[in-house]
Amino acid sequence: MEYTSTSSIAIPNVTPEQIWEALTNPEIVKQYFFGTTVESDWQVGSPITYSGEWEGKSYEDKGTVLEVEPNCKLVTSYWSVAFGPDTPENRKTVTYEITPTDGGTILTIIQDNDNESSKKHSEENWNMVLDGLKKLLTK
């Protein structure tokens, strides 16, 4: 059984370039992604680190850039200590798809998960992230 979560949002009057910048610029990411500091050069094969504090505890999650199509698509692997040891089977794939529309852009985030519970949790988190991103870009 596949447990893929998909979250999507239409953001009016925002270009694919603005979405791309919001996904890859650490200063912007921090504003809508729960205060997370992201570090990467966004080149295929490069590492990504996500660090910050959640509910009073410091964390550092990580991943790898798998695919880059500026202003269109970004695919990364993602690992959190919550997934267990950092092994290939505990890394998730996260895909960001940017689709221009009349009057705006749609951002879709797709993540693989281990079970129905993690799928639901993933969708809830991504929906909060997307709502925060939309508010930031349309203010």
N, C-alpha and C. Protein backbone atom coordinates (compact mmCIF):
# COMPACT_ATOMS: atom_id res chain seq x y z
N MET A 1 0.84 -1.18 0.00
CA MET A 1 0.00 0.00 0.00
C MET A 1 0.88 1.25 0.00
N GLU A 2 0.45 2.24 -0.72
CA GLU A 2 1.23 3.47 -0.80
C GLU A 2 0.58 4.54 0.06
N TYR A 3 1.43 5.25 0.80
CA TYR A 3 0.96 6.30 1.70
C TYR A 3 1.55 7.64 1.30
N THR A 4 1.14 8.12 0.14
CA THR A 4 1.65 9.38 -0.37
C THR A 4 0.72 10.51 0.05
N SER A 5 1.31 11.54 0.67
CA SER A 5 0.50 12.71 1.01
C SER A 5 0.70 13.77 -0.07
N THR A 6 -0.38 14.45 -0.38
CA THR A 6 -0.35 15.52 -1.36
C THR A 6 -1.07 16.73 -0.78
N SER A 7 -0.36 17.86 -0.76
CA SER A 7 -0.95 19.11 -0.30
C SER A 7 -0.71 20.14 -1.38
N SER A 8 -1.73 20.95 -1.64
CA SER A 8 -1.63 21.90 -2.75
C SER A 8 -2.33 23.20 -2.38
N ILE A 9 -1.81 24.31 -2.93
CA ILE A 9 -2.44 25.60 -2.68
C ILE A 9 -2.27 26.48 -3.91
N ALA A 10 -3.32 27.22 -4.23
CA ALA A 10 -3.26 28.22 -5.31
C ALA A 10 -2.95 29.56 -4.66
N ILE A 11 -1.94 30.23 -5.19
CA ILE A 11 -1.55 31.53 -4.64
C ILE A 11 -1.73 32.57 -5.74
N PRO A 12 -2.73 33.46 -5.59
CA PRO A 12 -3.01 34.44 -6.63
C PRO A 12 -1.92 35.52 -6.72
N ASN A 13 -1.73 36.02 -7.93
CA ASN A 13 -0.83 37.15 -8.19
C ASN A 13 0.61 36.89 -7.75
N VAL A 14 1.03 35.63 -7.78
CA VAL A 14 2.39 35.25 -7.43
C VAL A 14 2.95 34.43 -8.58
N THR A 15 4.18 34.71 -8.97
CA THR A 15 4.81 34.01 -10.10
C THR A 15 5.54 32.75 -9.64
N PRO A 16 5.78 31.83 -10.57
CA PRO A 16 6.60 30.66 -10.23
C PRO A 16 7.97 31.06 -9.67
N GLU A 17 8.54 32.15 -10.19
CA GLU A 17 9.83 32.62 -9.70
C GLU A 17 9.76 33.03 -8.23
N GLN A 18 8.65 33.65 -7.84
CA GLN A 18 8.48 34.05 -6.43
C GLN A 18 8.34 32.82 -5.53
N ILE A 19 7.63 31.80 -6.02
CA ILE A 19 7.48 30.56 -5.25
C ILE A 19 8.86 29.90 -5.09
N TRP A 20 9.61 29.82 -6.19
CA TRP A 20 10.94 29.20 -6.17
C TRP A 20 11.83 29.91 -5.14
N GLU A 21 11.80 31.23 -5.17
CA GLU A 21 12.59 32.01 -4.22
C GLU A 21 12.17 31.70 -2.79
N ALA A 22 10.87 31.56 -2.57
CA ALA A 22 10.35 31.26 -1.23
C ALA A 22 10.75 29.86 -0.76
N LEU A 23 10.96 28.94 -1.70
CA LEU A 23 11.38 27.58 -1.33
C LEU A 23 12.87 27.47 -1.06
N THR A 24 13.67 28.33 -1.68
CA THR A 24 15.12 28.15 -1.65
C THR A 24 15.88 29.27 -0.92
N ASN A 25 15.21 30.33 -0.51
CA ASN A 25 15.88 31.42 0.20
C ASN A 25 15.69 31.22 1.71
N PRO A 26 16.77 30.94 2.44
CA PRO A 26 16.64 30.64 3.87
C PRO A 26 15.94 31.72 4.68
N GLU A 27 16.12 32.99 4.32
CA GLU A 27 15.48 34.07 5.08
C GLU A 27 13.96 34.04 4.91
N ILE A 28 13.50 33.65 3.73
CA ILE A 28 12.06 33.56 3.49
C ILE A 28 11.51 32.28 4.12
N VAL A 29 12.22 31.16 3.93
CA VAL A 29 11.77 29.87 4.49
C VAL A 29 11.50 30.00 5.99
N LYS A 30 12.40 30.65 6.69
CA LYS A 30 12.28 30.79 8.15
C LYS A 30 10.97 31.46 8.56
N GLN A 31 10.44 32.34 7.69
CA GLN A 31 9.23 33.11 8.02
C GLN A 31 7.95 32.27 7.96
N TYR A 32 7.92 31.23 7.16
CA TYR A 32 6.68 30.44 7.05
C TYR A 32 6.85 28.98 7.47
N PHE A 33 8.08 28.52 7.73
CA PHE A 33 8.34 27.11 8.00
C PHE A 33 8.70 26.91 9.46
N PHE A 34 7.83 27.38 10.37
CA PHE A 34 7.98 27.16 11.80
C PHE A 34 9.32 27.65 12.34
N GLY A 35 9.91 28.70 11.73
CA GLY A 35 11.18 29.24 12.20
C GLY A 35 12.40 28.41 11.84
N THR A 36 12.21 27.46 10.94
CA THR A 36 13.31 26.57 10.54
C THR A 36 14.38 27.31 9.75
N THR A 37 15.63 26.99 10.05
CA THR A 37 16.76 27.48 9.27
C THR A 37 17.13 26.38 8.28
N VAL A 38 17.07 26.70 6.99
CA VAL A 38 17.42 25.71 5.96
C VAL A 38 18.73 26.14 5.32
N GLU A 39 19.60 25.16 5.07
CA GLU A 39 20.87 25.45 4.43
C GLU A 39 21.10 24.45 3.30
N SER A 40 21.36 24.98 2.09
CA SER A 40 21.71 24.17 0.93
C SER A 40 22.13 25.10 -0.19
N ASP A 41 22.89 24.56 -1.16
CA ASP A 41 23.18 25.36 -2.35
C ASP A 41 22.23 24.98 -3.49
N TRP A 42 21.30 24.05 -3.22
CA TRP A 42 20.24 23.65 -4.14
C TRP A 42 20.77 23.09 -5.46
N GLN A 43 21.92 22.42 -5.41
CA GLN A 43 22.46 21.72 -6.58
C GLN A 43 22.18 20.23 -6.39
N VAL A 44 21.92 19.51 -7.47
CA VAL A 44 21.64 18.08 -7.39
C VAL A 44 22.81 17.38 -6.68
N GLY A 45 22.47 16.57 -5.68
CA GLY A 45 23.46 15.83 -4.91
C GLY A 45 23.93 16.55 -3.67
N SER A 46 23.58 17.83 -3.52
CA SER A 46 24.02 18.61 -2.37
C SER A 46 23.18 18.30 -1.13
N PRO A 47 23.79 18.44 0.04
CA PRO A 47 23.03 18.22 1.28
C PRO A 47 22.12 19.40 1.60
N ILE A 48 21.11 19.11 2.41
CA ILE A 48 20.21 20.14 2.95
C ILE A 48 20.15 19.88 4.45
N THR A 49 20.21 20.93 5.25
CA THR A 49 19.95 20.77 6.67
C THR A 49 18.80 21.69 7.05
N TYR A 50 17.97 21.19 7.95
CA TYR A 50 16.84 21.94 8.50
C TYR A 50 17.06 21.95 10.01
N SER A 51 17.23 23.13 10.61
CA SER A 51 17.47 23.16 12.04
C SER A 51 16.62 24.24 12.69
N GLY A 52 16.41 24.05 13.97
CA GLY A 52 15.62 25.02 14.73
C GLY A 52 15.22 24.44 16.06
N GLU A 53 14.11 24.96 16.57
CA GLU A 53 13.60 24.51 17.84
C GLU A 53 12.11 24.24 17.69
N TRP A 54 11.66 23.10 18.18
CA TRP A 54 10.25 22.73 18.12
C TRP A 54 9.82 22.29 19.50
N GLU A 55 8.81 22.94 20.04
CA GLU A 55 8.28 22.63 21.37
C GLU A 55 9.40 22.57 22.41
N GLY A 56 10.33 23.55 22.32
CA GLY A 56 11.39 23.67 23.30
C GLY A 56 12.59 22.77 23.09
N LYS A 57 12.58 21.97 22.03
CA LYS A 57 13.70 21.07 21.78
C LYS A 57 14.37 21.43 20.45
N SER A 58 15.71 21.45 20.48
CA SER A 58 16.47 21.70 19.25
C SER A 58 16.41 20.48 18.35
N TYR A 59 16.43 20.71 17.04
CA TYR A 59 16.46 19.61 16.08
C TYR A 59 17.35 19.97 14.91
N GLU A 60 17.82 18.93 14.23
CA GLU A 60 18.50 19.11 12.96
C GLU A 60 18.11 17.94 12.07
N ASP A 61 17.28 18.23 11.09
CA ASP A 61 16.87 17.24 10.10
C ASP A 61 17.73 17.45 8.87
N LYS A 62 17.74 16.48 7.98
CA LYS A 62 18.58 16.64 6.80
C LYS A 62 18.01 15.92 5.60
N GLY A 63 18.62 16.20 4.47
CA GLY A 63 18.21 15.58 3.23
C GLY A 63 19.24 15.83 2.16
N THR A 64 18.85 15.49 0.94
CA THR A 64 19.71 15.66 -0.23
C THR A 64 18.87 16.19 -1.37
N VAL A 65 19.44 17.09 -2.16
CA VAL A 65 18.75 17.60 -3.35
C VAL A 65 18.83 16.50 -4.42
N LEU A 66 17.67 16.06 -4.90
CA LEU A 66 17.62 14.97 -5.89
C LEU A 66 17.37 15.46 -7.31
N GLU A 67 16.59 16.53 -7.44
CA GLU A 67 16.23 17.03 -8.77
C GLU A 67 15.94 18.53 -8.67
N VAL A 68 16.40 19.28 -9.64
CA VAL A 68 16.19 20.73 -9.65
C VAL A 68 15.76 21.18 -11.04
N GLU A 69 14.58 21.78 -11.13
CA GLU A 69 14.13 22.47 -12.33
C GLU A 69 13.66 23.83 -11.85
N PRO A 70 14.57 24.84 -11.86
CA PRO A 70 14.20 26.14 -11.29
C PRO A 70 12.84 26.65 -11.78
N ASN A 71 12.06 27.14 -10.83
CA ASN A 71 10.73 27.71 -11.07
C ASN A 71 9.69 26.67 -11.49
N CYS A 72 10.06 25.37 -11.47
CA CYS A 72 9.12 24.31 -11.89
C CYS A 72 9.02 23.19 -10.86
N LYS A 73 10.18 22.63 -10.46
CA LYS A 73 10.14 21.43 -9.64
C LYS A 73 11.41 21.30 -8.81
N LEU A 74 11.23 20.87 -7.56
CA LEU A 74 12.34 20.58 -6.67
C LEU A 74 12.02 19.25 -5.98
N VAL A 75 12.96 18.31 -6.04
CA VAL A 75 12.77 17.02 -5.38
C VAL A 75 13.92 16.82 -4.41
N THR A 76 13.58 16.48 -3.16
CA THR A 76 14.59 16.26 -2.14
C THR A 76 14.30 14.98 -1.38
N SER A 77 15.34 14.44 -0.74
CA SER A 77 15.09 13.43 0.27
C SER A 77 15.02 14.17 1.60
N TYR A 78 14.40 13.54 2.59
CA TYR A 78 14.23 14.19 3.88
C TYR A 78 14.30 13.15 4.97
N TRP A 79 15.07 13.47 6.01
CA TRP A 79 15.16 12.59 7.17
C TRP A 79 15.03 13.40 8.44
N SER A 80 14.26 12.87 9.37
CA SER A 80 14.10 13.44 10.70
C SER A 80 14.40 12.35 11.72
N VAL A 81 14.95 12.74 12.86
CA VAL A 81 15.23 11.76 13.92
C VAL A 81 13.96 10.99 14.30
N ALA A 82 12.80 11.60 14.08
CA ALA A 82 11.53 10.93 14.38
C ALA A 82 11.30 9.70 13.51
N PHE A 83 12.01 9.62 12.37
CA PHE A 83 11.85 8.48 11.46
C PHE A 83 12.68 7.27 11.88
N GLY A 84 13.57 7.43 12.89
CA GLY A 84 14.47 6.36 13.29
C GLY A 84 15.87 6.65 12.77
N PRO A 85 16.72 5.63 12.72
CA PRO A 85 18.10 5.85 12.28
C PRO A 85 18.16 6.41 10.86
N ASP A 86 19.23 7.16 10.56
CA ASP A 86 19.39 7.75 9.22
C ASP A 86 19.87 6.68 8.25
N THR A 87 18.91 5.94 7.73
CA THR A 87 19.19 4.90 6.75
C THR A 87 18.34 5.19 5.51
N PRO A 88 18.74 4.68 4.34
CA PRO A 88 17.97 4.97 3.13
C PRO A 88 16.47 4.70 3.26
N GLU A 89 16.10 3.62 3.94
CA GLU A 89 14.67 3.30 4.05
C GLU A 89 13.92 4.27 4.96
N ASN A 90 14.64 5.03 5.79
CA ASN A 90 14.00 6.02 6.66
C ASN A 90 14.00 7.43 6.07
N ARG A 91 14.49 7.58 4.86
CA ARG A 91 14.44 8.88 4.18
C ARG A 91 13.17 8.95 3.33
N LYS A 92 12.52 10.09 3.39
CA LYS A 92 11.30 10.31 2.61
C LYS A 92 11.65 11.16 1.39
N THR A 93 10.89 11.00 0.33
CA THR A 93 11.06 11.86 -0.83
C THR A 93 9.99 12.94 -0.79
N VAL A 94 10.42 14.20 -0.94
CA VAL A 94 9.50 15.34 -0.94
C VAL A 94 9.65 16.04 -2.28
N THR A 95 8.53 16.18 -3.00
CA THR A 95 8.52 16.82 -4.31
C THR A 95 7.70 18.10 -4.23
N TYR A 96 8.29 19.19 -4.71
CA TYR A 96 7.61 20.49 -4.78
C TYR A 96 7.36 20.76 -6.26
N GLU A 97 6.10 20.85 -6.65
CA GLU A 97 5.75 21.14 -8.05
C GLU A 97 5.11 22.52 -8.13
N ILE A 98 5.66 23.34 -9.03
CA ILE A 98 5.20 24.72 -9.20
C ILE A 98 4.52 24.82 -10.57
N THR A 99 3.23 25.18 -10.56
CA THR A 99 2.45 25.22 -11.79
C THR A 99 1.85 26.61 -11.99
N PRO A 100 2.26 27.32 -13.05
CA PRO A 100 1.66 28.63 -13.31
C PRO A 100 0.20 28.47 -13.76
N THR A 101 -0.63 29.41 -13.34
CA THR A 101 -2.04 29.41 -13.75
C THR A 101 -2.40 30.83 -14.17
N ASP A 102 -3.59 30.99 -14.72
CA ASP A 102 -4.06 32.34 -15.01
C ASP A 102 -4.23 33.08 -13.70
N GLY A 103 -3.43 34.10 -13.49
CA GLY A 103 -3.59 34.92 -12.30
C GLY A 103 -2.85 34.45 -11.08
N GLY A 104 -1.96 33.46 -11.21
CA GLY A 104 -1.23 33.02 -10.02
C GLY A 104 -0.42 31.76 -10.27
N THR A 105 -0.17 31.05 -9.19
CA THR A 105 0.65 29.84 -9.25
C THR A 105 0.11 28.83 -8.25
N ILE A 106 0.17 27.56 -8.61
CA ILE A 106 -0.20 26.48 -7.69
C ILE A 106 1.10 25.79 -7.24
N LEU A 107 1.22 25.61 -5.93
CA LEU A 107 2.33 24.85 -5.36
C LEU A 107 1.76 23.56 -4.79
N THR A 108 2.31 22.43 -5.23
CA THR A 108 1.89 21.13 -4.74
C THR A 108 3.10 20.45 -4.10
N ILE A 109 2.90 19.92 -2.90
CA ILE A 109 3.96 19.20 -2.19
C ILE A 109 3.51 17.75 -2.01
N ILE A 110 4.35 16.84 -2.48
CA ILE A 110 4.05 15.40 -2.43
C ILE A 110 5.13 14.74 -1.59
N GLN A 111 4.72 13.93 -0.60
CA GLN A 111 5.69 13.25 0.26
C GLN A 111 5.29 11.81 0.44
N ASP A 112 6.28 10.91 0.36
CA ASP A 112 5.98 9.52 0.68
C ASP A 112 6.04 9.33 2.19
N ASN A 113 5.23 8.41 2.70
CA ASN A 113 5.11 8.16 4.13
C ASN A 113 5.04 6.65 4.37
N ASP A 114 5.22 6.26 5.64
CA ASP A 114 5.26 4.84 5.98
C ASP A 114 3.90 4.21 6.25
N ASN A 115 2.94 5.04 6.68
CA ASN A 115 1.64 4.48 7.05
C ASN A 115 0.59 5.59 6.99
N GLU A 116 -0.65 5.21 7.25
CA GLU A 116 -1.76 6.16 7.17
C GLU A 116 -1.61 7.28 8.19
N SER A 117 -1.12 6.97 9.39
CA SER A 117 -0.95 7.97 10.43
C SER A 117 0.10 9.01 10.02
N SER A 118 1.24 8.56 9.48
CA SER A 118 2.28 9.52 9.07
C SER A 118 1.83 10.31 7.85
N LYS A 119 1.01 9.69 6.99
CA LYS A 119 0.46 10.40 5.84
C LYS A 119 -0.42 11.57 6.31
N LYS A 120 -1.30 11.29 7.26
CA LYS A 120 -2.21 12.32 7.79
C LYS A 120 -1.41 13.44 8.47
N HIS A 121 -0.41 13.07 9.27
CA HIS A 121 0.43 14.05 9.96
C HIS A 121 1.18 14.93 8.95
N SER A 122 1.71 14.29 7.92
CA SER A 122 2.43 15.00 6.86
C SER A 122 1.52 16.01 6.16
N GLU A 123 0.31 15.59 5.79
CA GLU A 123 -0.62 16.49 5.12
C GLU A 123 -1.00 17.67 6.01
N GLU A 124 -1.22 17.41 7.30
CA GLU A 124 -1.56 18.51 8.21
C GLU A 124 -0.42 19.52 8.29
N ASN A 125 0.81 19.02 8.43
CA ASN A 125 1.97 19.92 8.51
C ASN A 125 2.16 20.71 7.22
N TRP A 126 2.09 20.02 6.07
CA TRP A 126 2.29 20.72 4.81
C TRP A 126 1.19 21.75 4.56
N ASN A 127 -0.04 21.43 4.97
CA ASN A 127 -1.12 22.42 4.80
C ASN A 127 -0.86 23.67 5.63
N MET A 128 -0.31 23.50 6.85
CA MET A 128 0.04 24.67 7.66
C MET A 128 1.17 25.48 7.00
N VAL A 129 2.17 24.77 6.47
CA VAL A 129 3.28 25.43 5.79
C VAL A 129 2.77 26.21 4.57
N LEU A 130 1.92 25.56 3.78
CA LEU A 130 1.38 26.22 2.58
C LEU A 130 0.54 27.43 2.92
N ASP A 131 -0.28 27.32 3.96
CA ASP A 131 -1.09 28.47 4.40
C ASP A 131 -0.18 29.62 4.81
N GLY A 132 0.88 29.33 5.55
CA GLY A 132 1.82 30.35 5.98
C GLY A 132 2.53 30.99 4.80
N LEU A 133 2.90 30.17 3.83
CA LEU A 133 3.57 30.68 2.62
C LEU A 133 2.64 31.60 1.84
N LYS A 134 1.40 31.19 1.69
CA LYS A 134 0.43 32.01 0.95
C LYS A 134 0.24 33.36 1.64
N LYS A 135 0.07 33.33 2.98
CA LYS A 135 -0.10 34.59 3.72
C LYS A 135 1.10 35.49 3.54
N LEU A 136 2.29 34.92 3.59
CA LEU A 136 3.52 35.70 3.46
C LEU A 136 3.63 36.33 2.06
N LEU A 137 3.34 35.56 1.02
CA LEU A 137 3.51 36.04 -0.34
C LEU A 137 2.39 36.96 -0.83
N THR A 138 1.26 36.96 -0.15
CA THR A 138 0.14 37.77 -0.62
C THR A 138 -0.15 38.96 0.30
N LYS A 139 0.73 39.19 1.28
CA LYS A 139 0.46 40.32 2.20
C LYS A 139 0.85 41.64 1.57
